[in-house]
């Protein structure tokens, strides 16, 4: 879903909160999908008493992550992080 759709459901405050969270690897490598060759990262924030969450998804090419590992670089903050899409779960 788009940012605007997530805002309509959860509200701007919670979407912005999720966008500010540090993302973590979901351990999903996207072989066989339109994102083939990418690893998924996400960040989330709770937005109601039912523990529904706004989830923000980012992708990094596996080749970038592999090169970082080969170089001994563990600073994921040095990568260009761009939000791909949102979800409400």
PDB file of N, CA and C in Angstrom:
ATOM      1  N   UNK A   1       0.840  -1.177   0.000  1.00  0.00           N
ATOM      2  CA  UNK A   1       0.000   0.000   0.000  1.00  0.00           C
ATOM      3  C   UNK A   1       0.885   1.241   0.000  1.00  0.00           C
ATOM      4  N   UNK A   2       0.335   2.317  -0.436  1.00  0.00           N
ATOM      5  CA  UNK A   2       1.082   3.577  -0.495  1.00  0.00           C
ATOM      6  C   UNK A   2       1.092   4.261   0.869  1.00  0.00           C
ATOM      7  N   UNK A   3       1.911   5.275   0.992  1.00  0.00           N
ATOM      8  CA  UNK A   3       1.965   6.061   2.223  1.00  0.00           C
ATOM      9  C   UNK A   3       0.608   6.704   2.507  1.00  0.00           C
ATOM     10  N   UNK A   4      -0.007   7.232   1.487  1.00  0.00           N
ATOM     11  CA  UNK A   4      -1.304   7.897   1.659  1.00  0.00           C
ATOM     12  C   UNK A   4      -2.367   6.924   2.156  1.00  0.00           C
ATOM     13  N   UNK A   5      -2.359   5.700   1.635  1.00  0.00           N
ATOM     14  CA  UNK A   5      -3.317   4.692   2.091  1.00  0.00           C
ATOM     15  C   UNK A   5      -3.070   4.317   3.552  1.00  0.00           C
ATOM     16  N   UNK A   6      -1.804   4.200   3.934  1.00  0.00           N
ATOM     17  CA  UNK A   6      -1.468   3.876   5.319  1.00  0.00           C
ATOM     18  C   UNK A   6      -1.899   5.005   6.258  1.00  0.00           C
ATOM     19  N   UNK A   7      -1.727   6.241   5.823  1.00  0.00           N
ATOM     20  CA  UNK A   7      -2.143   7.391   6.637  1.00  0.00           C
ATOM     21  C   UNK A   7      -3.651   7.387   6.837  1.00  0.00           C
ATOM     22  N   UNK A   8      -4.411   7.057   5.791  1.00  0.00           N
ATOM     23  CA  UNK A   8      -5.876   7.013   5.913  1.00  0.00           C
ATOM     24  C   UNK A   8      -6.328   5.997   6.959  1.00  0.00           C
ATOM     25  N   UNK A   9      -5.604   4.880   7.065  1.00  0.00           N
ATOM     26  CA  UNK A   9      -5.994   3.823   7.998  1.00  0.00           C
ATOM     27  C   UNK A   9      -5.461   4.086   9.408  1.00  0.00           C
ATOM     28  N   UNK A  10      -4.186   4.402   9.514  1.00  0.00           N
ATOM     29  CA  UNK A  10      -3.546   4.483  10.826  1.00  0.00           C
ATOM     30  C   UNK A  10      -3.327   5.907  11.322  1.00  0.00           C
ATOM     31  N   UNK A  11      -3.273   6.860  10.411  1.00  0.00           N
ATOM     32  CA  UNK A  11      -3.002   8.232  10.793  1.00  0.00           C
ATOM     33  C   UNK A  11      -1.545   8.612  10.572  1.00  0.00           C
ATOM     34  N   UNK A  12      -1.327   9.883  10.291  1.00  0.00           N
ATOM     35  CA  UNK A  12      -0.001  10.399   9.980  1.00  0.00           C
ATOM     36  C   UNK A  12       0.999  10.153  11.110  1.00  0.00           C
ATOM     37  N   UNK A  13       0.574  10.354  12.349  1.00  0.00           N
ATOM     38  CA  UNK A  13       1.469  10.194  13.503  1.00  0.00           C
ATOM     39  C   UNK A  13       2.114   8.803  13.533  1.00  0.00           C
ATOM     40  N   UNK A  14       1.326   7.764  13.286  1.00  0.00           N
ATOM     41  CA  UNK A  14       1.842   6.404  13.383  1.00  0.00           C
ATOM     42  C   UNK A  14       2.649   6.003  12.155  1.00  0.00           C
ATOM     43  N   UNK A  15       2.309   6.542  11.011  1.00  0.00           N
ATOM     44  CA  UNK A  15       3.113   6.292   9.815  1.00  0.00           C
ATOM     45  C   UNK A  15       4.485   6.934   9.999  1.00  0.00           C
ATOM     46  N   UNK A  16       4.520   8.166  10.456  1.00  0.00           N
ATOM     47  CA  UNK A  16       5.799   8.843  10.690  1.00  0.00           C
ATOM     48  C   UNK A  16       6.611   8.129  11.766  1.00  0.00           C
ATOM     49  N   UNK A  17       5.946   7.620  12.791  1.00  0.00           N
ATOM     50  CA  UNK A  17       6.642   6.885  13.846  1.00  0.00           C
ATOM     51  C   UNK A  17       7.308   5.644  13.270  1.00  0.00           C
ATOM     52  N   UNK A  18       6.607   4.903  12.427  1.00  0.00           N
ATOM     53  CA  UNK A  18       7.182   3.703  11.811  1.00  0.00           C
ATOM     54  C   UNK A  18       8.349   4.066  10.899  1.00  0.00           C
ATOM     55  N   UNK A  19       8.233   5.179  10.182  1.00  0.00           N
ATOM     56  CA  UNK A  19       9.303   5.614   9.282  1.00  0.00           C
ATOM     57  C   UNK A  19      10.580   5.973  10.041  1.00  0.00           C
ATOM     58  N   UNK A  20      10.448   6.374  11.303  1.00  0.00           N
ATOM     59  CA  UNK A  20      11.608   6.775  12.107  1.00  0.00           C
ATOM     60  C   UNK A  20      12.279   5.596  12.804  1.00  0.00           C
ATOM     61  N   UNK A  21      11.606   4.453  12.850  1.00  0.00           N
ATOM     62  CA  UNK A  21      12.162   3.274  13.518  1.00  0.00           C
ATOM     63  C   UNK A  21      13.312   2.697  12.700  1.00  0.00           C
ATOM     64  N   UNK A  22      14.266   2.093  13.388  1.00  0.00           N
ATOM     65  CA  UNK A  22      15.338   1.381  12.708  1.00  0.00           C
ATOM     66  C   UNK A  22      14.759   0.139  12.061  1.00  0.00           C
ATOM     67  N   UNK A  23      15.124  -0.115  10.830  1.00  0.00           N
ATOM     68  CA  UNK A  23      14.615  -1.310  10.161  1.00  0.00           C
ATOM     69  C   UNK A  23      15.509  -2.495  10.480  1.00  0.00           C
ATOM     70  N   UNK A  24      14.911  -3.657  10.417  1.00  0.00           N
ATOM     71  CA  UNK A  24      15.604  -4.913  10.662  1.00  0.00           C
ATOM     72  C   UNK A  24      15.368  -5.827   9.475  1.00  0.00           C
ATOM     73  N   UNK A  25      16.306  -6.724   9.234  1.00  0.00           N
ATOM     74  CA  UNK A  25      16.151  -7.683   8.146  1.00  0.00           C
ATOM     75  C   UNK A  25      15.035  -8.652   8.492  1.00  0.00           C
ATOM     76  N   UNK A  26      14.136  -8.895   7.548  1.00  0.00           N
ATOM     77  CA  UNK A  26      13.061  -9.854   7.764  1.00  0.00           C
ATOM     78  C   UNK A  26      13.521 -11.269   7.463  1.00  0.00           C
ATOM     79  N   UNK A  27      14.736 -11.397   6.962  1.00  0.00           N
ATOM     80  CA  UNK A  27      15.309 -12.692   6.560  1.00  0.00           C
ATOM     81  C   UNK A  27      14.586 -13.290   5.359  1.00  0.00           C
ATOM     82  N   UNK A  28      13.864 -12.469   4.634  1.00  0.00           N
ATOM     83  CA  UNK A  28      13.219 -12.942   3.410  1.00  0.00           C
ATOM     84  C   UNK A  28      14.037 -12.481   2.220  1.00  0.00           C
ATOM     85  N   UNK A  29      14.601 -13.434   1.525  1.00  0.00           N
ATOM     86  CA  UNK A  29      15.298 -13.138   0.285  1.00  0.00           C
ATOM     87  C   UNK A  29      14.272 -13.328  -0.816  1.00  0.00           C
ATOM     88  N   UNK A  30      14.201 -12.395  -1.712  1.00  0.00           N
ATOM     89  CA  UNK A  30      13.067 -12.327  -2.633  1.00  0.00           C
ATOM     90  C   UNK A  30      13.321 -13.039  -3.945  1.00  0.00           C
ATOM     91  N   UNK A  31      13.772 -14.279  -3.888  1.00  0.00           N
ATOM     92  CA  UNK A  31      13.949 -15.063  -5.107  1.00  0.00           C
ATOM     93  C   UNK A  31      12.573 -15.405  -5.677  1.00  0.00           C
ATOM     94  N   UNK A  32      12.454 -15.377  -6.991  1.00  0.00           N
ATOM     95  CA  UNK A  32      11.210 -15.759  -7.635  1.00  0.00           C
ATOM     96  C   UNK A  32      10.107 -14.721  -7.560  1.00  0.00           C
ATOM     97  N   UNK A  33      10.447 -13.488  -7.221  1.00  0.00           N
ATOM     98  CA  UNK A  33       9.454 -12.415  -7.168  1.00  0.00           C
ATOM     99  C   UNK A  33       9.959 -11.253  -8.019  1.00  0.00           C
ATOM    100  N   UNK A  34       9.130 -10.217  -8.088  1.00  0.00           N
ATOM    101  CA  UNK A  34       9.569  -9.036  -8.828  1.00  0.00           C
ATOM    102  C   UNK A  34      10.802  -8.405  -8.181  1.00  0.00           C
ATOM    103  N   UNK A  35      11.049  -8.725  -6.906  1.00  0.00           N
ATOM    104  CA  UNK A  35      12.205  -8.183  -6.195  1.00  0.00           C
ATOM    105  C   UNK A  35      13.345  -9.187  -6.178  1.00  0.00           C
ATOM    106  N   UNK A  36      13.394 -10.079  -7.137  1.00  0.00           N
ATOM    107  CA  UNK A  36      14.418 -11.122  -7.167  1.00  0.00           C
ATOM    108  C   UNK A  36      15.800 -10.498  -7.026  1.00  0.00           C
ATOM    109  N   UNK A  37      16.583 -11.086  -6.140  1.00  0.00           N
ATOM    110  CA  UNK A  37      17.930 -10.579  -5.908  1.00  0.00           C
ATOM    111  C   UNK A  37      18.007  -9.509  -4.838  1.00  0.00           C
ATOM    112  N   UNK A  38      16.929  -9.324  -4.083  1.00  0.00           N
ATOM    113  CA  UNK A  38      16.893  -8.322  -3.020  1.00  0.00           C
ATOM    114  C   UNK A  38      16.604  -8.994  -1.685  1.00  0.00           C
ATOM    115  N   UNK A  39      17.026  -8.357  -0.609  1.00  0.00           N
ATOM    116  CA  UNK A  39      16.683  -8.798   0.737  1.00  0.00           C
ATOM    117  C   UNK A  39      15.777  -7.744   1.347  1.00  0.00           C
ATOM    118  N   UNK A  40      14.748  -8.205   2.042  1.00  0.00           N
ATOM    119  CA  UNK A  40      13.733  -7.310   2.599  1.00  0.00           C
ATOM    120  C   UNK A  40      14.102  -6.897   4.020  1.00  0.00           C
ATOM    121  N   UNK A  41      13.883  -5.632   4.299  1.00  0.00           N
ATOM    122  CA  UNK A  41      14.035  -5.069   5.636  1.00  0.00           C
ATOM    123  C   UNK A  41      12.715  -4.380   5.977  1.00  0.00           C
ATOM    124  N   UNK A  42      12.372  -4.313   7.266  1.00  0.00           N
ATOM    125  CA  UNK A  42      11.146  -3.616   7.638  1.00  0.00           C
ATOM    126  C   UNK A  42      11.297  -2.973   9.005  1.00  0.00           C
ATOM    127  N   UNK A  43      10.426  -2.002   9.257  1.00  0.00           N
ATOM    128  CA  UNK A  43      10.307  -1.351  10.556  1.00  0.00           C
ATOM    129  C   UNK A  43       8.826  -1.190  10.814  1.00  0.00           C
ATOM    130  N   UNK A  44       8.434  -1.164  12.093  1.00  0.00           N
ATOM    131  CA  UNK A  44       7.000  -1.045  12.363  1.00  0.00           C
ATOM    132  C   UNK A  44       6.750  -0.269  13.638  1.00  0.00           C
ATOM    133  N   UNK A  45       5.492   0.161  13.791  1.00  0.00           N
ATOM    134  CA  UNK A  45       5.046   0.814  15.021  1.00  0.00           C
ATOM    135  C   UNK A  45       3.605   0.407  15.278  1.00  0.00           C
ATOM    136  N   UNK A  46       3.255   0.201  16.551  1.00  0.00           N
ATOM    137  CA  UNK A  46       1.877  -0.123  16.927  1.00  0.00           C
ATOM    138  C   UNK A  46       1.049   1.145  16.865  1.00  0.00           C
ATOM    139  N   UNK A  47      -0.211   1.006  16.405  1.00  0.00           N
ATOM    140  CA  UNK A  47      -1.017   2.220  16.342  1.00  0.00           C
ATOM    141  C   UNK A  47      -2.371   2.121  17.017  1.00  0.00           C
ATOM    142  N   UNK A  48      -2.704   0.992  17.623  1.00  0.00           N
ATOM    143  CA  UNK A  48      -3.936   0.954  18.402  1.00  0.00           C
ATOM    144  C   UNK A  48      -3.850  -0.101  19.489  1.00  0.00           C
ATOM    145  N   UNK A  49      -4.888  -0.162  20.325  1.00  0.00           N
ATOM    146  CA  UNK A  49      -4.886  -1.074  21.467  1.00  0.00           C
ATOM    147  C   UNK A  49      -4.950  -2.548  21.052  1.00  0.00           C
ATOM    148  N   UNK A  50      -5.322  -2.832  19.817  1.00  0.00           N
ATOM    149  CA  UNK A  50      -5.356  -4.209  19.311  1.00  0.00           C
ATOM    150  C   UNK A  50      -3.989  -4.658  18.805  1.00  0.00           C
ATOM    151  N   UNK A  51      -2.994  -3.804  18.974  1.00  0.00           N
ATOM    152  CA  UNK A  51      -1.625  -4.083  18.553  1.00  0.00           C
ATOM    153  C   UNK A  51      -1.486  -4.171  17.028  1.00  0.00           C
ATOM    154  N   UNK A  52      -2.407  -3.538  16.287  1.00  0.00           N
ATOM    155  CA  UNK A  52      -2.222  -3.423  14.838  1.00  0.00           C
ATOM    156  C   UNK A  52      -0.987  -2.569  14.613  1.00  0.00           C
ATOM    157  N   UNK A  53      -0.277  -2.870  13.541  1.00  0.00           N
ATOM    158  CA  UNK A  53       0.988  -2.188  13.300  1.00  0.00           C
ATOM    159  C   UNK A  53       1.049  -1.614  11.896  1.00  0.00           C
ATOM    160  N   UNK A  54       1.732  -0.475  11.787  1.00  0.00           N
ATOM    161  CA  UNK A  54       2.125   0.077  10.498  1.00  0.00           C
ATOM    162  C   UNK A  54       3.502  -0.515  10.213  1.00  0.00           C
ATOM    163  N   UNK A  55       3.646  -1.159   9.061  1.00  0.00           N
ATOM    164  CA  UNK A  55       4.926  -1.751   8.688  1.00  0.00           C
ATOM    165  C   UNK A  55       5.437  -1.029   7.448  1.00  0.00           C
ATOM    166  N   UNK A  56       6.695  -0.644   7.484  1.00  0.00           N
ATOM    167  CA  UNK A  56       7.353   0.046   6.384  1.00  0.00           C
ATOM    168  C   UNK A  56       8.384  -0.916   5.802  1.00  0.00           C
ATOM    169  N   UNK A  57       8.371  -1.122   4.477  1.00  0.00           N
ATOM    170  CA  UNK A  57       9.269  -2.077   3.833  1.00  0.00           C
ATOM    171  C   UNK A  57      10.331  -1.372   2.988  1.00  0.00           C
ATOM    172  N   UNK A  58      11.539  -1.870   3.100  1.00  0.00           N
ATOM    173  CA  UNK A  58      12.695  -1.402   2.353  1.00  0.00           C
ATOM    174  C   UNK A  58      13.347  -2.628   1.709  1.00  0.00           C
ATOM    175  N   UNK A  59      14.041  -2.442   0.608  1.00  0.00           N
ATOM    176  CA  UNK A  59      14.758  -3.532  -0.037  1.00  0.00           C
ATOM    177  C   UNK A  59      16.179  -3.082  -0.341  1.00  0.00           C
ATOM    178  N   UNK A  60      17.111  -4.019  -0.214  1.00  0.00           N
ATOM    179  CA  UNK A  60      18.495  -3.759  -0.597  1.00  0.00           C
ATOM    180  C   UNK A  60      18.933  -4.875  -1.536  1.00  0.00           C
ATOM    181  N   UNK A  61      19.602  -4.524  -2.626  1.00  0.00           N
ATOM    182  CA  UNK A  61      20.096  -5.561  -3.533  1.00  0.00           C
ATOM    183  C   UNK A  61      21.075  -6.487  -2.811  1.00  0.00           C
ATOM    184  N   UNK A  62      20.922  -7.773  -3.031  1.00  0.00           N
ATOM    185  CA  UNK A  62      21.824  -8.741  -2.403  1.00  0.00           C
ATOM    186  C   UNK A  62      23.279  -8.468  -2.757  1.00  0.00           C
ATOM    187  N   UNK A  63      23.528  -7.989  -3.974  1.00  0.00           N
ATOM    188  CA  UNK A  63      24.906  -7.709  -4.368  1.00  0.00           C
ATOM    189  C   UNK A  63      25.525  -6.623  -3.493  1.00  0.00           C
ATOM    190  N   UNK A  64      24.738  -5.644  -3.077  1.00  0.00           N
ATOM    191  CA  UNK A  64      25.240  -4.586  -2.191  1.00  0.00           C
ATOM    192  C   UNK A  64      25.569  -5.174  -0.822  1.00  0.00           C
ATOM    193  N   UNK A  65      24.659  -5.998  -0.289  1.00  0.00           N
ATOM    194  CA  UNK A  65      24.883  -6.599   1.021  1.00  0.00           C
ATOM    195  C   UNK A  65      26.068  -7.556   0.994  1.00  0.00           C
ATOM    196  N   UNK A  66      26.187  -8.323  -0.083  1.00  0.00           N
ATOM    197  CA  UNK A  66      27.318  -9.246  -0.209  1.00  0.00           C
ATOM    198  C   UNK A  66      28.642  -8.494  -0.286  1.00  0.00           C
ATOM    199  N   UNK A  67      28.665  -7.381  -1.029  1.00  0.00           N
ATOM    200  CA  UNK A  67      29.892  -6.587  -1.136  1.00  0.00           C
ATOM    201  C   UNK A  67      30.263  -5.986   0.214  1.00  0.00           C
ATOM    202  N   UNK A  68      29.261  -5.525   0.962  1.00  0.00           N
ATOM    203  CA  UNK A  68      29.531  -4.997   2.301  1.00  0.00           C
ATOM    204  C   UNK A  68      30.187  -6.060   3.169  1.00  0.00           C
ATOM    205  N   UNK A  69      29.641  -7.276   3.114  1.00  0.00           N
ATOM    206  CA  UNK A  69      30.186  -8.358   3.914  1.00  0.00           C
ATOM    207  C   UNK A  69      31.622  -8.669   3.509  1.00  0.00           C
ATOM    208  N   UNK A  70      31.875  -8.714   2.207  1.00  0.00           N
ATOM    209  CA  UNK A  70      33.232  -8.961   1.721  1.00  0.00           C
ATOM    210  C   UNK A  70      34.208  -7.879   2.178  1.00  0.00           C
ATOM    211  N   UNK A  71      33.728  -6.631   2.227  1.00  0.00           N
ATOM    212  CA  UNK A  71      34.567  -5.504   2.642  1.00  0.00           C
ATOM    213  C   UNK A  71      34.707  -5.405   4.156  1.00  0.00           C
ATOM    214  N   UNK A  72      33.944  -6.225   4.890  1.00  0.00           N
ATOM    215  CA  UNK A  72      33.966  -6.146   6.346  1.00  0.00           C
ATOM    216  C   UNK A  72      33.188  -4.970   6.890  1.00  0.00           C
ATOM    217  N   UNK A  73      32.337  -4.379   6.064  1.00  0.00           N
ATOM    218  CA  UNK A  73      31.527  -3.226   6.463  1.00  0.00           C
ATOM    219  C   UNK A  73      30.218  -3.721   7.062  1.00  0.00           C
ATOM    220  N   UNK A  74      29.937  -3.363   8.299  1.00  0.00           N
ATOM    221  CA  UNK A  74      28.695  -3.764   8.945  1.00  0.00           C
ATOM    222  C   UNK A  74      27.767  -2.575   9.184  1.00  0.00           C
ATOM    223  N   UNK A  75      28.089  -1.430   8.614  1.00  0.00           N
ATOM    224  CA  UNK A  75      27.306  -0.210   8.828  1.00  0.00           C
ATOM    225  C   UNK A  75      26.171  -0.119   7.817  1.00  0.00           C
ATOM    226  N   UNK A  76      25.032  -0.714   8.142  1.00  0.00           N
ATOM    227  CA  UNK A  76      23.878  -0.640   7.242  1.00  0.00           C
ATOM    228  C   UNK A  76      23.364   0.788   7.107  1.00  0.00           C
ATOM    229  N   UNK A  77      23.706   1.647   8.062  1.00  0.00           N
ATOM    230  CA  UNK A  77      23.310   3.043   7.991  1.00  0.00           C
ATOM    231  C   UNK A  77      23.978   3.793   6.856  1.00  0.00           C
ATOM    232  N   UNK A  78      25.025   3.220   6.308  1.00  0.00           N
ATOM    233  CA  UNK A  78      25.718   3.874   5.196  1.00  0.00           C
ATOM    234  C   UNK A  78      25.011   3.637   3.860  1.00  0.00           C
ATOM    235  N   UNK A  79      23.991   2.769   3.849  1.00  0.00           N
ATOM    236  CA  UNK A  79      23.264   2.480   2.613  1.00  0.00           C
ATOM    237  C   UNK A  79      22.182   3.514   2.359  1.00  0.00           C
ATOM    238  N   UNK A  80      21.758   3.607   1.123  1.00  0.00           N
ATOM    239  CA  UNK A  80      20.661   4.497   0.738  1.00  0.00           C
ATOM    240  C   UNK A  80      19.348   3.762   0.979  1.00  0.00           C
ATOM    241  N   UNK A  81      18.614   4.170   2.000  1.00  0.00           N
ATOM    242  CA  UNK A  81      17.360   3.499   2.369  1.00  0.00           C
ATOM    243  C   UNK A  81      16.185   4.269   1.792  1.00  0.00           C
ATOM    244  N   UNK A  82      15.415   3.608   0.945  1.00  0.00           N
ATOM    245  CA  UNK A  82      14.238   4.206   0.327  1.00  0.00           C
ATOM    246  C   UNK A  82      13.044   3.292   0.615  1.00  0.00           C
ATOM    247  N   UNK A  83      11.962   3.862   1.080  1.00  0.00           N
ATOM    248  CA  UNK A  83      10.762   3.076   1.378  1.00  0.00           C
ATOM    249  C   UNK A  83      10.141   2.607   0.083  1.00  0.00           C
ATOM    250  N   UNK A  84       9.814   1.319   0.043  1.00  0.00           N
ATOM    251  CA  UNK A  84       9.140   0.760  -1.126  1.00  0.00           C
ATOM    252  C   UNK A  84       7.626   0.783  -0.953  1.00  0.00           C
ATOM    253  N   UNK A  85       7.137   0.287   0.177  1.00  0.00           N
ATOM    254  CA  UNK A  85       5.697   0.269   0.418  1.00  0.00           C
ATOM    255  C   UNK A  85       5.394   0.090   1.899  1.00  0.00           C
ATOM    256  N   UNK A  86       4.123   0.157   2.225  1.00  0.00           N
ATOM    257  CA  UNK A  86       3.629   0.071   3.595  1.00  0.00           C
ATOM    258  C   UNK A  86       2.624  -1.060   3.696  1.00  0.00           C
ATOM    259  N   UNK A  87       2.388  -1.499   4.948  1.00  0.00           N
ATOM    260  CA  UNK A  87       1.363  -2.501   5.200  1.00  0.00           C
ATOM    261  C   UNK A  87       0.790  -2.235   6.587  1.00  0.00           C
ATOM    262  N   UNK A  88      -0.444  -2.656   6.809  1.00  0.00           N
ATOM    263  CA  UNK A  88      -1.056  -2.607   8.130  1.00  0.00           C
ATOM    264  C   UNK A  88      -1.330  -4.048   8.522  1.00  0.00           C
ATOM    265  N   UNK A  89      -0.760  -4.495   9.627  1.00  0.00           N
ATOM    266  CA  UNK A  89      -0.948  -5.870  10.070  1.00  0.00           C
ATOM    267  C   UNK A  89      -1.438  -5.923  11.495  1.00  0.00           C
TER     268      UNK A  89
END
